[in-house]
């Protein structure tokens, strides 16, 4: 069995890859250089792919800076020091327009070329920052589209499944799950606005959720934070 696994080098996508591996899938790791503020996550995604023995790791170049509209792809300040309640109150400026739709479309194309029926994505609808493309309704809609829009799907050769094993888990539960599968979280990277040397800022939404996850999981956090 083959699976395309979307990988950002972060906690969620890395845990999703660990689950795919434990389910006996051959791993084909897919990452994107989309004009994000930093490239550190791509370096970590490569290390993660090697850690899990991925058959192949591809990085696709897409310059979403030409569109902007996000603190990750335009000159917009990344929110800092927000409470969890604030993170869940609306869609933040770190949302990248249609990002998961773009990423899943590339993953679907590769999956069809590989004759792979599974695409793993580490979306999460509990400890997340309010992104609309991390919800079950969205994933179900994309999966339906995937089977309507591909030759393999229309001919009935492949029934594509978008696997979201983390969607109803808290960050702490995700970290515990990954820990049980032998994930080395020191390989992962989460920060939206890191220091030039790759240190996590410790204050953006992603860093705060990362800290919260390790604390609640009662697992030592291997991350270097600025403070």
N, C-alpha and C. Protein backbone atom coordinates (compact mmCIF):
# COMPACT_ATOMS: atom_id res chain seq x y z
N UNK A 1 0.84 -1.20 0.00
CA UNK A 1 0.00 0.00 0.00
C UNK A 1 0.88 1.25 0.00
N UNK A 2 0.45 2.24 -0.78
CA UNK A 2 1.18 3.49 -0.85
C UNK A 2 0.32 4.64 -0.34
N UNK A 3 0.98 5.62 0.27
CA UNK A 3 0.27 6.80 0.75
C UNK A 3 1.10 8.04 0.50
N UNK A 4 0.45 9.09 0.02
CA UNK A 4 1.07 10.40 -0.05
C UNK A 4 0.78 11.09 1.28
N UNK A 5 1.83 11.57 1.94
CA UNK A 5 1.68 12.24 3.23
C UNK A 5 2.14 13.68 3.11
N UNK A 6 1.23 14.60 3.34
CA UNK A 6 1.59 16.02 3.32
C UNK A 6 2.42 16.32 4.55
N UNK A 7 3.58 16.94 4.36
CA UNK A 7 4.49 17.16 5.47
C UNK A 7 5.00 18.59 5.52
N UNK A 8 4.74 19.24 6.66
CA UNK A 8 5.26 20.59 6.88
C UNK A 8 6.47 20.57 7.80
N UNK A 9 6.80 19.39 8.30
CA UNK A 9 7.87 19.29 9.29
C UNK A 9 7.42 19.60 10.70
N UNK A 10 6.11 19.80 10.88
CA UNK A 10 5.56 20.12 12.20
C UNK A 10 5.09 18.90 12.96
N UNK A 11 4.56 19.13 14.15
CA UNK A 11 4.10 18.04 15.02
C UNK A 11 2.99 17.23 14.37
N UNK A 12 1.99 17.91 13.83
CA UNK A 12 0.81 17.20 13.33
C UNK A 12 1.12 16.35 12.10
N UNK A 13 1.77 16.94 11.11
CA UNK A 13 2.05 16.18 9.89
C UNK A 13 3.03 15.04 10.16
N UNK A 14 3.95 15.26 11.10
CA UNK A 14 4.91 14.21 11.44
C UNK A 14 4.22 13.05 12.15
N UNK A 15 3.28 13.37 13.04
CA UNK A 15 2.53 12.31 13.71
C UNK A 15 1.64 11.57 12.72
N UNK A 16 1.06 12.29 11.77
CA UNK A 16 0.25 11.65 10.73
C UNK A 16 1.12 10.68 9.91
N UNK A 17 2.36 11.08 9.64
CA UNK A 17 3.27 10.20 8.91
C UNK A 17 3.60 8.96 9.72
N UNK A 18 3.78 9.13 11.02
CA UNK A 18 4.06 7.99 11.90
C UNK A 18 2.89 7.01 11.88
N UNK A 19 1.68 7.54 11.86
CA UNK A 19 0.49 6.68 11.83
C UNK A 19 0.41 5.94 10.50
N UNK A 20 0.69 6.64 9.41
CA UNK A 20 0.69 5.99 8.09
C UNK A 20 1.72 4.86 8.05
N UNK A 21 2.88 5.12 8.63
CA UNK A 21 3.93 4.10 8.68
C UNK A 21 3.48 2.91 9.51
N UNK A 22 2.86 3.18 10.66
CA UNK A 22 2.40 2.09 11.53
C UNK A 22 1.27 1.29 10.89
N UNK A 23 0.57 1.91 9.94
CA UNK A 23 -0.49 1.21 9.20
C UNK A 23 0.05 0.49 7.97
N UNK A 24 1.38 0.39 7.88
CA UNK A 24 2.08 -0.38 6.83
C UNK A 24 2.03 0.25 5.44
N UNK A 25 1.83 1.56 5.38
CA UNK A 25 1.90 2.24 4.09
C UNK A 25 3.34 2.55 3.70
N UNK A 26 3.63 2.48 2.40
CA UNK A 26 4.86 3.04 1.87
C UNK A 26 4.66 4.55 1.82
N UNK A 27 5.63 5.29 2.34
CA UNK A 27 5.46 6.73 2.49
C UNK A 27 6.05 7.50 1.31
N UNK A 28 5.23 8.37 0.74
CA UNK A 28 5.67 9.34 -0.25
C UNK A 28 5.36 10.72 0.33
N UNK A 29 6.42 11.39 0.76
CA UNK A 29 6.27 12.65 1.50
C UNK A 29 6.25 13.85 0.56
N UNK A 30 5.29 14.76 0.81
CA UNK A 30 5.12 15.92 -0.07
C UNK A 30 5.10 17.21 0.75
N UNK A 31 6.02 18.12 0.41
CA UNK A 31 6.12 19.41 1.09
C UNK A 31 6.07 20.54 0.06
N UNK A 32 5.89 21.76 0.55
CA UNK A 32 5.74 22.90 -0.35
C UNK A 32 6.59 24.09 0.08
N UNK A 33 7.31 24.62 -0.88
CA UNK A 33 8.00 25.89 -0.71
C UNK A 33 7.07 26.93 -1.34
N UNK A 34 6.17 27.48 -0.51
CA UNK A 34 5.10 28.30 -1.06
C UNK A 34 5.27 29.80 -0.80
N UNK A 35 6.48 30.18 -0.40
CA UNK A 35 6.71 31.59 -0.13
C UNK A 35 6.52 31.93 1.33
N UNK A 36 6.50 30.91 2.18
CA UNK A 36 6.34 31.13 3.61
C UNK A 36 7.52 31.91 4.16
N UNK A 37 7.36 32.45 5.36
CA UNK A 37 8.36 33.35 5.94
C UNK A 37 9.74 32.71 6.09
N UNK A 38 9.79 31.42 6.21
CA UNK A 38 11.07 30.75 6.46
C UNK A 38 11.09 29.40 5.74
N UNK A 39 12.28 28.88 5.56
CA UNK A 39 12.44 27.58 4.89
C UNK A 39 12.88 26.49 5.86
N UNK A 40 12.96 26.84 7.14
CA UNK A 40 13.42 25.87 8.14
C UNK A 40 12.52 24.64 8.16
N UNK A 41 11.21 24.88 8.01
CA UNK A 41 10.28 23.74 8.06
C UNK A 41 10.55 22.74 6.94
N UNK A 42 11.05 23.21 5.81
CA UNK A 42 11.35 22.30 4.70
C UNK A 42 12.57 21.44 5.02
N UNK A 43 13.54 22.03 5.70
CA UNK A 43 14.71 21.27 6.13
C UNK A 43 14.29 20.17 7.11
N UNK A 44 13.36 20.52 8.01
CA UNK A 44 12.89 19.54 8.99
C UNK A 44 12.02 18.48 8.32
N UNK A 45 11.22 18.88 7.36
CA UNK A 45 10.38 17.91 6.65
C UNK A 45 11.24 16.86 5.94
N UNK A 46 12.37 17.29 5.41
CA UNK A 46 13.30 16.35 4.77
C UNK A 46 13.85 15.36 5.79
N UNK A 47 14.20 15.87 6.97
CA UNK A 47 14.72 15.01 8.03
C UNK A 47 13.66 14.03 8.51
N UNK A 48 12.41 14.50 8.60
CA UNK A 48 11.30 13.65 9.03
C UNK A 48 11.09 12.52 8.01
N UNK A 49 11.12 12.87 6.73
CA UNK A 49 10.95 11.86 5.68
C UNK A 49 12.04 10.79 5.77
N UNK A 50 13.26 11.22 6.02
CA UNK A 50 14.37 10.27 6.17
C UNK A 50 14.17 9.41 7.41
N UNK A 51 13.70 10.03 8.50
CA UNK A 51 13.48 9.32 9.76
C UNK A 51 12.50 8.16 9.57
N UNK A 52 11.46 8.39 8.76
CA UNK A 52 10.44 7.36 8.56
C UNK A 52 10.72 6.48 7.34
N UNK A 53 11.85 6.68 6.70
CA UNK A 53 12.20 5.84 5.56
C UNK A 53 11.28 6.03 4.37
N UNK A 54 10.88 7.27 4.12
CA UNK A 54 10.01 7.55 2.97
C UNK A 54 10.66 7.09 1.68
N UNK A 55 9.86 6.55 0.80
CA UNK A 55 10.37 6.11 -0.49
C UNK A 55 10.88 7.32 -1.27
N UNK A 56 10.16 8.44 -1.13
CA UNK A 56 10.53 9.65 -1.84
C UNK A 56 9.99 10.86 -1.09
N UNK A 57 10.73 11.96 -1.13
CA UNK A 57 10.25 13.23 -0.57
C UNK A 57 10.39 14.30 -1.65
N UNK A 58 9.27 14.91 -1.99
CA UNK A 58 9.25 15.95 -3.02
C UNK A 58 8.88 17.28 -2.39
N UNK A 59 9.58 18.34 -2.80
CA UNK A 59 9.22 19.71 -2.41
C UNK A 59 8.76 20.44 -3.67
N UNK A 60 7.53 20.92 -3.64
CA UNK A 60 6.94 21.65 -4.77
C UNK A 60 7.09 23.15 -4.53
N UNK A 61 7.52 23.87 -5.55
CA UNK A 61 7.65 25.33 -5.46
C UNK A 61 6.38 26.01 -6.00
N UNK A 62 5.72 26.76 -5.12
CA UNK A 62 4.56 27.58 -5.51
C UNK A 62 4.71 28.92 -4.80
N UNK A 63 4.75 30.01 -5.52
CA UNK A 63 4.97 31.30 -4.87
C UNK A 63 3.64 31.98 -4.53
N UNK A 64 3.11 31.65 -3.36
CA UNK A 64 1.85 32.26 -2.93
C UNK A 64 2.04 33.69 -2.45
N UNK A 65 3.27 34.16 -2.41
CA UNK A 65 3.51 35.57 -2.09
C UNK A 65 2.93 36.48 -3.16
N UNK A 66 2.79 35.95 -4.37
CA UNK A 66 2.20 36.75 -5.45
C UNK A 66 0.75 37.08 -5.16
N UNK A 67 0.10 36.26 -4.33
CA UNK A 67 -1.28 36.53 -3.92
C UNK A 67 -1.32 37.28 -2.59
N UNK A 68 -0.43 36.91 -1.68
CA UNK A 68 -0.43 37.52 -0.34
C UNK A 68 -1.66 37.11 0.44
N UNK A 69 -2.17 38.04 1.25
CA UNK A 69 -3.39 37.78 1.99
C UNK A 69 -3.20 37.02 3.28
N UNK A 70 -1.95 36.81 3.70
CA UNK A 70 -1.67 36.06 4.92
C UNK A 70 -0.41 36.61 5.58
N UNK A 71 -0.36 36.51 6.90
CA UNK A 71 0.85 36.92 7.62
C UNK A 71 2.03 36.02 7.31
N UNK A 72 1.77 34.85 6.71
CA UNK A 72 2.85 33.94 6.36
C UNK A 72 3.41 34.20 4.96
N UNK A 73 2.65 34.95 4.13
CA UNK A 73 3.09 35.18 2.75
C UNK A 73 3.07 36.66 2.36
N UNK A 74 2.90 37.55 3.31
CA UNK A 74 2.86 38.99 3.03
C UNK A 74 3.43 39.75 4.23
N UNK A 75 3.61 41.04 4.07
CA UNK A 75 4.15 41.87 5.16
C UNK A 75 3.05 42.24 6.14
N UNK A 76 2.57 41.23 6.84
CA UNK A 76 1.54 41.38 7.87
C UNK A 76 2.11 40.79 9.15
N UNK A 77 1.97 41.49 10.25
CA UNK A 77 2.53 41.01 11.51
C UNK A 77 1.88 39.71 11.96
N UNK A 78 2.71 38.78 12.42
CA UNK A 78 2.22 37.53 12.99
C UNK A 78 1.70 37.82 14.40
N UNK A 79 0.46 37.42 14.73
CA UNK A 79 -0.07 37.65 16.09
C UNK A 79 0.80 36.97 17.15
N UNK A 80 0.97 37.63 18.26
CA UNK A 80 1.78 37.09 19.36
C UNK A 80 1.03 37.18 20.68
N UNK A 81 1.37 36.26 21.58
CA UNK A 81 0.91 36.27 22.97
C UNK A 81 -0.61 36.20 23.11
N UNK A 82 -1.27 35.49 22.22
CA UNK A 82 -2.73 35.39 22.29
C UNK A 82 -3.15 34.25 23.22
N UNK A 83 -4.28 34.43 23.86
CA UNK A 83 -4.86 33.36 24.66
C UNK A 83 -5.49 32.32 23.74
N UNK A 84 -5.61 31.09 24.23
CA UNK A 84 -6.22 30.03 23.42
C UNK A 84 -7.62 30.41 23.00
N UNK A 85 -8.34 31.10 23.90
CA UNK A 85 -9.71 31.52 23.58
C UNK A 85 -9.71 32.50 22.40
N UNK A 86 -8.70 33.35 22.34
CA UNK A 86 -8.60 34.29 21.23
C UNK A 86 -8.32 33.56 19.92
N UNK A 87 -7.46 32.55 19.99
CA UNK A 87 -7.11 31.78 18.79
C UNK A 87 -8.34 31.12 18.18
N UNK A 88 -9.27 30.70 19.03
CA UNK A 88 -10.45 29.96 18.56
C UNK A 88 -11.62 30.87 18.22
N UNK A 89 -11.44 32.18 18.37
CA UNK A 89 -12.57 33.10 18.21
C UNK A 89 -12.82 33.54 16.77
N UNK A 90 -11.88 33.28 15.89
CA UNK A 90 -12.06 33.68 14.50
C UNK A 90 -10.91 33.18 13.65
N UNK A 91 -10.96 33.45 12.36
CA UNK A 91 -9.91 33.01 11.45
C UNK A 91 -8.78 34.05 11.48
N UNK A 92 -7.58 33.66 11.91
CA UNK A 92 -6.49 34.62 12.08
C UNK A 92 -5.80 34.99 10.77
N UNK A 93 -4.94 36.01 10.83
CA UNK A 93 -4.23 36.48 9.64
C UNK A 93 -3.16 35.50 9.18
N UNK A 94 -2.88 34.46 9.98
CA UNK A 94 -1.93 33.43 9.54
C UNK A 94 -2.58 32.41 8.60
N UNK A 95 -3.89 32.51 8.41
CA UNK A 95 -4.57 31.66 7.42
C UNK A 95 -4.06 32.04 6.03
N UNK A 96 -3.62 31.02 5.28
CA UNK A 96 -3.16 31.23 3.91
C UNK A 96 -4.30 30.85 2.97
N UNK A 97 -4.79 31.79 2.14
CA UNK A 97 -5.94 31.52 1.29
C UNK A 97 -5.86 30.20 0.52
N UNK A 98 -6.84 29.33 0.81
CA UNK A 98 -7.03 28.05 0.09
C UNK A 98 -5.82 27.12 0.14
N UNK A 99 -4.95 27.27 1.16
CA UNK A 99 -3.70 26.51 1.18
C UNK A 99 -3.92 25.00 1.15
N UNK A 100 -4.79 24.48 2.01
CA UNK A 100 -4.96 23.02 2.04
C UNK A 100 -5.58 22.50 0.75
N UNK A 101 -6.42 23.30 0.12
CA UNK A 101 -7.00 22.89 -1.17
C UNK A 101 -5.91 22.78 -2.23
N UNK A 102 -5.00 23.76 -2.22
CA UNK A 102 -3.88 23.73 -3.16
C UNK A 102 -2.99 22.51 -2.88
N UNK A 103 -2.64 22.32 -1.60
CA UNK A 103 -1.75 21.22 -1.24
C UNK A 103 -2.38 19.86 -1.54
N UNK A 104 -3.65 19.70 -1.18
CA UNK A 104 -4.32 18.42 -1.41
C UNK A 104 -4.48 18.12 -2.90
N UNK A 105 -4.61 19.16 -3.70
CA UNK A 105 -4.73 18.95 -5.15
C UNK A 105 -3.44 18.37 -5.72
N UNK A 106 -2.31 18.90 -5.27
CA UNK A 106 -1.03 18.34 -5.69
C UNK A 106 -0.87 16.91 -5.17
N UNK A 107 -1.27 16.69 -3.92
CA UNK A 107 -1.17 15.35 -3.34
C UNK A 107 -2.04 14.36 -4.11
N UNK A 108 -3.21 14.80 -4.52
CA UNK A 108 -4.11 13.95 -5.29
C UNK A 108 -3.49 13.58 -6.64
N UNK A 109 -2.88 14.56 -7.30
CA UNK A 109 -2.24 14.29 -8.59
C UNK A 109 -1.13 13.26 -8.44
N UNK A 110 -0.32 13.41 -7.40
CA UNK A 110 0.77 12.45 -7.18
C UNK A 110 0.22 11.08 -6.81
N UNK A 111 -0.83 11.06 -5.97
CA UNK A 111 -1.43 9.78 -5.57
C UNK A 111 -1.96 9.04 -6.78
N UNK A 112 -2.62 9.74 -7.70
CA UNK A 112 -3.15 9.08 -8.89
C UNK A 112 -2.00 8.53 -9.74
N UNK A 113 -0.94 9.31 -9.89
CA UNK A 113 0.22 8.85 -10.67
C UNK A 113 0.89 7.63 -10.04
N UNK A 114 0.84 7.55 -8.71
CA UNK A 114 1.46 6.44 -7.98
C UNK A 114 0.54 5.23 -7.81
N UNK A 115 -0.73 5.38 -8.21
CA UNK A 115 -1.75 4.37 -7.90
C UNK A 115 -1.87 4.18 -6.39
N UNK A 116 -1.78 5.28 -5.67
CA UNK A 116 -1.93 5.26 -4.21
C UNK A 116 -3.35 5.70 -3.86
N UNK A 117 -4.00 5.00 -2.96
CA UNK A 117 -5.38 5.34 -2.65
C UNK A 117 -5.53 6.21 -1.41
N UNK A 118 -4.43 6.48 -0.70
CA UNK A 118 -4.52 7.21 0.56
C UNK A 118 -3.67 8.48 0.53
N UNK A 119 -4.26 9.54 1.05
CA UNK A 119 -3.55 10.80 1.26
C UNK A 119 -3.72 11.15 2.73
N UNK A 120 -2.61 11.29 3.43
CA UNK A 120 -2.64 11.64 4.85
C UNK A 120 -2.35 13.13 5.01
N UNK A 121 -3.18 13.78 5.82
CA UNK A 121 -2.98 15.19 6.14
C UNK A 121 -3.24 15.39 7.63
N UNK A 122 -2.35 16.12 8.29
CA UNK A 122 -2.43 16.25 9.75
C UNK A 122 -3.31 17.38 10.25
N UNK A 123 -4.45 17.59 9.59
CA UNK A 123 -5.36 18.65 10.04
C UNK A 123 -5.97 18.29 11.39
N UNK A 124 -6.32 19.34 12.12
CA UNK A 124 -6.85 19.16 13.47
C UNK A 124 -7.93 20.20 13.73
N UNK A 125 -9.06 19.77 14.27
CA UNK A 125 -10.19 20.68 14.48
C UNK A 125 -10.39 21.05 15.95
N UNK A 126 -9.46 20.66 16.83
CA UNK A 126 -9.59 21.01 18.25
C UNK A 126 -8.56 22.07 18.63
N UNK A 127 -7.31 21.67 18.83
CA UNK A 127 -6.25 22.64 19.14
C UNK A 127 -5.68 23.19 17.83
N UNK A 128 -6.38 24.14 17.25
CA UNK A 128 -5.94 24.74 16.00
C UNK A 128 -6.34 26.20 16.01
N UNK A 129 -5.95 26.92 14.96
CA UNK A 129 -6.16 28.37 14.96
C UNK A 129 -7.35 28.83 14.12
N UNK A 130 -8.41 28.04 14.09
CA UNK A 130 -9.63 28.48 13.44
C UNK A 130 -9.65 28.39 11.93
N UNK A 131 -8.77 27.57 11.33
CA UNK A 131 -8.72 27.50 9.88
C UNK A 131 -9.90 26.70 9.31
N UNK A 132 -10.60 27.24 8.32
CA UNK A 132 -11.77 26.53 7.76
C UNK A 132 -11.40 25.26 7.02
N UNK A 133 -10.16 25.18 6.51
CA UNK A 133 -9.76 23.99 5.75
C UNK A 133 -9.13 22.91 6.63
N UNK A 134 -9.47 22.96 7.93
CA UNK A 134 -9.06 21.90 8.86
C UNK A 134 -10.27 21.16 9.43
N UNK A 135 -11.45 21.40 8.84
CA UNK A 135 -12.69 20.82 9.37
C UNK A 135 -13.09 19.55 8.62
N UNK A 136 -13.83 18.68 9.31
CA UNK A 136 -14.30 17.43 8.72
C UNK A 136 -15.15 17.69 7.48
N UNK A 137 -16.01 18.71 7.51
CA UNK A 137 -16.88 19.01 6.37
C UNK A 137 -16.07 19.29 5.12
N UNK A 138 -14.98 20.01 5.31
CA UNK A 138 -14.11 20.34 4.17
C UNK A 138 -13.43 19.08 3.63
N UNK A 139 -12.88 18.28 4.52
CA UNK A 139 -12.17 17.06 4.10
C UNK A 139 -13.12 16.12 3.36
N UNK A 140 -14.32 15.95 3.87
CA UNK A 140 -15.30 15.08 3.20
C UNK A 140 -15.63 15.58 1.81
N UNK A 141 -15.77 16.90 1.68
CA UNK A 141 -16.08 17.50 0.38
C UNK A 141 -14.93 17.30 -0.61
N UNK A 142 -13.69 17.46 -0.13
CA UNK A 142 -12.54 17.27 -1.01
C UNK A 142 -12.43 15.81 -1.45
N UNK A 143 -12.67 14.90 -0.53
CA UNK A 143 -12.59 13.48 -0.87
C UNK A 143 -13.61 13.12 -1.95
N UNK A 144 -14.81 13.65 -1.82
CA UNK A 144 -15.84 13.40 -2.83
C UNK A 144 -15.38 13.95 -4.18
N UNK A 145 -14.85 15.16 -4.17
CA UNK A 145 -14.36 15.78 -5.40
C UNK A 145 -13.22 14.96 -6.01
N UNK A 146 -12.32 14.45 -5.15
CA UNK A 146 -11.18 13.68 -5.63
C UNK A 146 -11.61 12.48 -6.46
N UNK A 147 -12.69 11.85 -6.06
CA UNK A 147 -13.15 10.66 -6.76
C UNK A 147 -14.01 10.99 -7.98
N UNK A 148 -14.44 12.25 -8.07
CA UNK A 148 -15.19 12.70 -9.24
C UNK A 148 -14.28 13.30 -10.30
N UNK A 149 -13.11 13.76 -9.90
CA UNK A 149 -12.28 14.58 -10.78
C UNK A 149 -11.05 13.87 -11.32
N UNK A 150 -10.91 12.57 -11.05
CA UNK A 150 -9.73 11.83 -11.50
C UNK A 150 -10.13 10.66 -12.40
N UNK A 151 -9.26 10.33 -13.32
CA UNK A 151 -9.49 9.18 -14.21
C UNK A 151 -9.62 7.90 -13.39
N UNK A 152 -8.71 7.73 -12.43
CA UNK A 152 -8.73 6.52 -11.61
C UNK A 152 -10.01 6.43 -10.79
N UNK A 153 -10.49 7.56 -10.30
CA UNK A 153 -11.71 7.57 -9.51
C UNK A 153 -12.94 7.29 -10.35
N UNK A 154 -13.03 7.92 -11.50
CA UNK A 154 -14.20 7.76 -12.38
C UNK A 154 -14.28 6.35 -12.94
N UNK A 155 -13.12 5.78 -13.24
CA UNK A 155 -13.09 4.41 -13.78
C UNK A 155 -13.23 3.35 -12.70
N UNK A 156 -13.24 3.77 -11.44
CA UNK A 156 -13.39 2.84 -10.33
C UNK A 156 -12.15 2.05 -9.99
N UNK A 157 -11.01 2.47 -10.52
CA UNK A 157 -9.77 1.75 -10.24
C UNK A 157 -9.24 2.05 -8.83
N UNK A 158 -9.48 3.29 -8.37
CA UNK A 158 -9.04 3.71 -7.05
C UNK A 158 -10.16 4.46 -6.35
N UNK A 159 -10.38 4.15 -5.09
CA UNK A 159 -11.29 4.93 -4.25
C UNK A 159 -10.40 5.75 -3.32
N UNK A 160 -10.19 7.00 -3.68
CA UNK A 160 -9.28 7.84 -2.89
C UNK A 160 -9.86 8.14 -1.51
N UNK A 161 -9.00 8.06 -0.51
CA UNK A 161 -9.38 8.38 0.86
C UNK A 161 -8.45 9.47 1.40
N UNK A 162 -9.03 10.52 1.94
CA UNK A 162 -8.24 11.55 2.61
C UNK A 162 -8.21 11.18 4.08
N UNK A 163 -7.06 10.75 4.56
CA UNK A 163 -6.92 10.26 5.93
C UNK A 163 -6.55 11.42 6.86
N UNK A 164 -7.37 11.60 7.89
CA UNK A 164 -7.15 12.67 8.87
C UNK A 164 -7.17 12.09 10.28
N UNK A 165 -6.15 11.31 10.64
CA UNK A 165 -6.18 10.59 11.90
C UNK A 165 -6.14 11.48 13.15
N UNK A 166 -5.80 12.75 12.99
CA UNK A 166 -5.63 13.63 14.14
C UNK A 166 -6.78 14.62 14.31
N UNK A 167 -7.77 14.55 13.45
CA UNK A 167 -8.72 15.65 13.34
C UNK A 167 -9.51 15.92 14.63
N UNK A 168 -9.73 14.90 15.43
CA UNK A 168 -10.49 15.09 16.67
C UNK A 168 -9.64 14.92 17.93
N UNK A 169 -8.32 15.16 17.77
CA UNK A 169 -7.41 15.00 18.90
C UNK A 169 -6.89 16.36 19.36
N UNK A 170 -6.65 16.48 20.66
CA UNK A 170 -5.99 17.68 21.17
C UNK A 170 -4.50 17.58 20.84
N UNK A 171 -3.78 18.69 20.98
CA UNK A 171 -2.35 18.66 20.72
C UNK A 171 -1.64 17.68 21.66
N UNK A 172 -2.09 17.66 22.90
CA UNK A 172 -1.49 16.74 23.88
C UNK A 172 -1.71 15.28 23.45
N UNK A 173 -2.91 14.97 22.99
CA UNK A 173 -3.21 13.61 22.54
C UNK A 173 -2.37 13.24 21.32
N UNK A 174 -2.16 14.21 20.44
CA UNK A 174 -1.35 13.98 19.25
C UNK A 174 0.09 13.66 19.65
N UNK A 175 0.62 14.44 20.58
CA UNK A 175 2.00 14.22 21.03
C UNK A 175 2.15 12.87 21.73
N UNK A 176 1.16 12.51 22.53
CA UNK A 176 1.20 11.20 23.19
C UNK A 176 1.15 10.07 22.16
N UNK A 177 0.29 10.24 21.17
CA UNK A 177 0.16 9.23 20.11
C UNK A 177 1.49 9.06 19.38
N UNK A 178 2.08 10.18 18.99
CA UNK A 178 3.35 10.13 18.29
C UNK A 178 4.46 9.56 19.14
N UNK A 179 4.46 9.93 20.43
CA UNK A 179 5.46 9.39 21.34
C UNK A 179 5.39 7.88 21.41
N UNK A 180 4.16 7.35 21.41
CA UNK A 180 3.97 5.91 21.45
C UNK A 180 4.44 5.22 20.17
N UNK A 181 4.53 5.99 19.10
CA UNK A 181 4.97 5.44 17.81
C UNK A 181 6.44 5.73 17.53
N UNK A 182 7.11 6.30 18.54
CA UNK A 182 8.54 6.52 18.41
C UNK A 182 8.95 7.79 17.70
N UNK A 183 8.03 8.77 17.59
CA UNK A 183 8.37 10.03 16.92
C UNK A 183 9.41 10.81 17.71
N UNK A 184 10.40 11.31 17.01
CA UNK A 184 11.41 12.19 17.61
C UNK A 184 10.98 13.63 17.33
N UNK A 185 10.31 14.25 18.30
CA UNK A 185 9.76 15.59 18.07
C UNK A 185 10.82 16.68 18.02
N UNK A 186 12.07 16.34 18.34
CA UNK A 186 13.13 17.33 18.18
C UNK A 186 13.39 17.61 16.70
N UNK A 187 12.91 16.73 15.82
CA UNK A 187 13.05 16.93 14.39
C UNK A 187 12.02 17.91 13.83
N UNK A 188 10.99 18.19 14.59
CA UNK A 188 9.86 18.96 14.08
C UNK A 188 10.03 20.46 14.32
N UNK A 189 9.30 21.23 13.53
CA UNK A 189 9.36 22.69 13.62
C UNK A 189 7.97 23.26 13.44
N UNK A 190 7.60 24.24 14.28
CA UNK A 190 6.23 24.75 14.27
C UNK A 190 6.10 26.26 14.09
N UNK A 191 7.12 27.03 14.38
CA UNK A 191 6.99 28.48 14.55
C UNK A 191 6.60 29.23 13.27
N UNK A 192 5.71 30.22 13.42
CA UNK A 192 5.31 31.08 12.31
C UNK A 192 6.31 32.22 12.07
N UNK A 193 7.08 32.56 13.09
CA UNK A 193 7.96 33.73 13.01
C UNK A 193 9.27 33.49 13.75
N UNK A 194 10.06 32.53 13.28
CA UNK A 194 11.28 32.14 14.01
C UNK A 194 12.40 33.17 13.92
N UNK A 195 13.34 33.05 14.83
CA UNK A 195 14.55 33.87 14.77
C UNK A 195 15.41 33.39 13.60
N UNK A 196 16.35 34.22 13.14
CA UNK A 196 17.18 33.84 12.00
C UNK A 196 17.94 32.52 12.18
N UNK A 197 18.25 32.17 13.43
CA UNK A 197 19.00 30.94 13.66
C UNK A 197 18.10 29.71 13.79
N UNK A 198 16.79 29.90 13.57
CA UNK A 198 15.87 28.77 13.63
C UNK A 198 15.23 28.53 14.99
N UNK A 199 15.51 29.40 15.95
CA UNK A 199 14.88 29.28 17.26
C UNK A 199 13.40 29.65 17.16
N UNK A 200 12.54 28.87 17.80
CA UNK A 200 11.11 29.20 17.85
C UNK A 200 10.91 30.51 18.62
N UNK A 201 10.00 31.35 18.13
CA UNK A 201 9.77 32.63 18.82
C UNK A 201 9.14 32.43 20.19
N UNK A 202 8.35 31.35 20.34
CA UNK A 202 7.72 31.06 21.63
C UNK A 202 6.46 31.84 21.91
N UNK A 203 6.05 32.73 20.98
CA UNK A 203 4.93 33.63 21.25
C UNK A 203 3.81 33.59 20.22
N UNK A 204 4.08 33.04 19.04
CA UNK A 204 3.02 32.97 18.02
C UNK A 204 2.03 31.87 18.40
N UNK A 205 0.89 31.84 17.71
CA UNK A 205 -0.15 30.85 18.02
C UNK A 205 0.41 29.43 17.97
N UNK A 206 1.19 29.15 16.94
CA UNK A 206 1.71 27.79 16.75
C UNK A 206 2.65 27.39 17.88
N UNK A 207 3.52 28.31 18.29
CA UNK A 207 4.43 28.02 19.40
C UNK A 207 3.66 27.81 20.70
N UNK A 208 2.66 28.64 20.94
CA UNK A 208 1.89 28.55 22.17
C UNK A 208 1.12 27.23 22.24
N UNK A 209 0.55 26.79 21.11
CA UNK A 209 -0.15 25.51 21.08
C UNK A 209 0.83 24.35 21.24
N UNK A 210 2.02 24.51 20.70
CA UNK A 210 3.07 23.49 20.85
C UNK A 210 3.46 23.34 22.32
N UNK A 211 3.73 24.47 22.98
CA UNK A 211 4.08 24.45 24.40
C UNK A 211 2.97 23.80 25.22
N UNK A 212 1.74 24.23 24.95
CA UNK A 212 0.58 23.73 25.67
C UNK A 212 0.44 22.21 25.50
N UNK A 213 0.69 21.73 24.28
CA UNK A 213 0.58 20.30 24.01
C UNK A 213 1.56 19.47 24.80
N UNK A 214 2.81 19.88 24.81
CA UNK A 214 3.82 19.12 25.55
C UNK A 214 3.55 19.17 27.06
N UNK A 215 3.13 20.33 27.54
CA UNK A 215 2.85 20.48 28.97
C UNK A 215 1.71 19.58 29.39
N UNK A 216 0.62 19.58 28.62
CA UNK A 216 -0.54 18.77 28.96
C UNK A 216 -0.27 17.27 28.76
N UNK A 217 0.61 16.95 27.83
CA UNK A 217 0.97 15.55 27.59
C UNK A 217 1.96 15.04 28.65
N UNK A 218 2.52 15.98 29.40
CA UNK A 218 3.54 15.67 30.42
C UNK A 218 4.74 14.96 29.78
N UNK A 219 5.11 15.50 28.62
CA UNK A 219 6.27 15.00 27.89
C UNK A 219 7.24 16.16 27.73
N UNK A 220 8.52 15.91 27.94
CA UNK A 220 9.52 16.96 27.85
C UNK A 220 9.52 17.59 26.46
N UNK A 221 9.46 18.91 26.44
CA UNK A 221 9.44 19.65 25.18
C UNK A 221 10.89 19.86 24.71
N UNK A 222 11.27 19.30 23.56
CA UNK A 222 12.65 19.41 23.08
C UNK A 222 12.94 20.70 22.30
N UNK A 223 11.96 21.60 22.27
CA UNK A 223 12.03 22.79 21.42
C UNK A 223 12.90 23.89 22.01
N UNK A 224 13.64 24.59 21.14
CA UNK A 224 14.37 25.80 21.56
C UNK A 224 13.47 27.01 21.31
N UNK A 225 13.10 27.67 22.39
CA UNK A 225 12.28 28.89 22.29
C UNK A 225 13.14 30.11 22.61
N UNK A 226 12.77 31.25 22.08
CA UNK A 226 13.57 32.48 22.24
C UNK A 226 13.74 32.89 23.67
N UNK A 227 12.71 32.70 24.49
CA UNK A 227 12.80 33.15 25.87
C UNK A 227 13.45 32.12 26.76
